[in-house]
Amino acid sequence: MTDLIKKLPSKIKKNKLKVGIFLGLSAYWGIILAGTLIQFN
């Protein structure tokens, strides 16, 4: 049980990193798509 509690913070940090990368990439692609749509209009 104590081993699990010790491992939890690192798991949360890894998940935060994944979520941060995912949000960054989706925001990046969103800006690119918005820019291309504005140019075509």
Protein backbone atom coordinates (compact mmCIF):
# COMPACT_ATOMS: atom_id res chain seq x y z
CA MET A 1 0.00 0.00 0.00
CA THR A 2 2.76 2.46 0.91
CA ASP A 3 4.52 1.55 -2.34
CA LEU A 4 1.41 2.56 -4.30
CA ILE A 5 1.18 5.90 -2.50
CA LYS A 6 4.84 6.59 -3.30
CA LYS A 7 4.28 5.86 -7.00
CA LEU A 8 1.13 7.99 -7.34
CA PRO A 9 2.80 11.44 -7.61
CA SER A 10 5.04 10.31 -10.48
CA LYS A 11 2.01 8.85 -12.30
CA ILE A 12 0.14 12.13 -11.90
CA LYS A 13 3.16 14.08 -13.17
CA LYS A 14 3.43 11.83 -16.24
CA ASN A 15 -0.28 12.25 -16.97
CA LYS A 16 -0.01 16.04 -16.58
CA LEU A 17 2.87 16.01 -19.05
CA LYS A 18 0.82 13.96 -21.56
CA VAL A 19 -2.19 16.26 -21.13
CA GLY A 20 0.03 19.33 -21.50
CA ILE A 21 1.60 18.01 -24.72
CA PHE A 22 -1.85 17.04 -26.07
CA LEU A 23 -3.32 20.48 -25.29
CA GLY A 24 -0.30 22.23 -26.77
CA LEU A 25 -0.49 20.23 -30.01
CA SER A 26 -4.26 20.66 -30.37
CA ALA A 27 -3.96 24.42 -29.76
CA TYR A 28 -1.11 24.59 -32.31
CA TRP A 29 -3.14 22.73 -34.97
CA GLY A 30 -6.24 24.79 -34.11
CA ILE A 31 -4.32 28.01 -34.80
CA ILE A 32 -2.96 26.62 -38.11
CA LEU A 33 -6.44 25.48 -39.25
CA ALA A 34 -8.00 28.81 -38.23
CA GLY A 35 -5.26 30.68 -40.11
CA THR A 36 -5.75 28.70 -43.31
CA LEU A 37 -9.55 29.10 -43.12
CA ILE A 38 -9.23 32.88 -42.65
CA GLN A 39 -6.84 33.08 -45.62
CA PHE A 40 -9.23 31.18 -47.91
CA ASN A 41 -12.15 33.38 -46.85
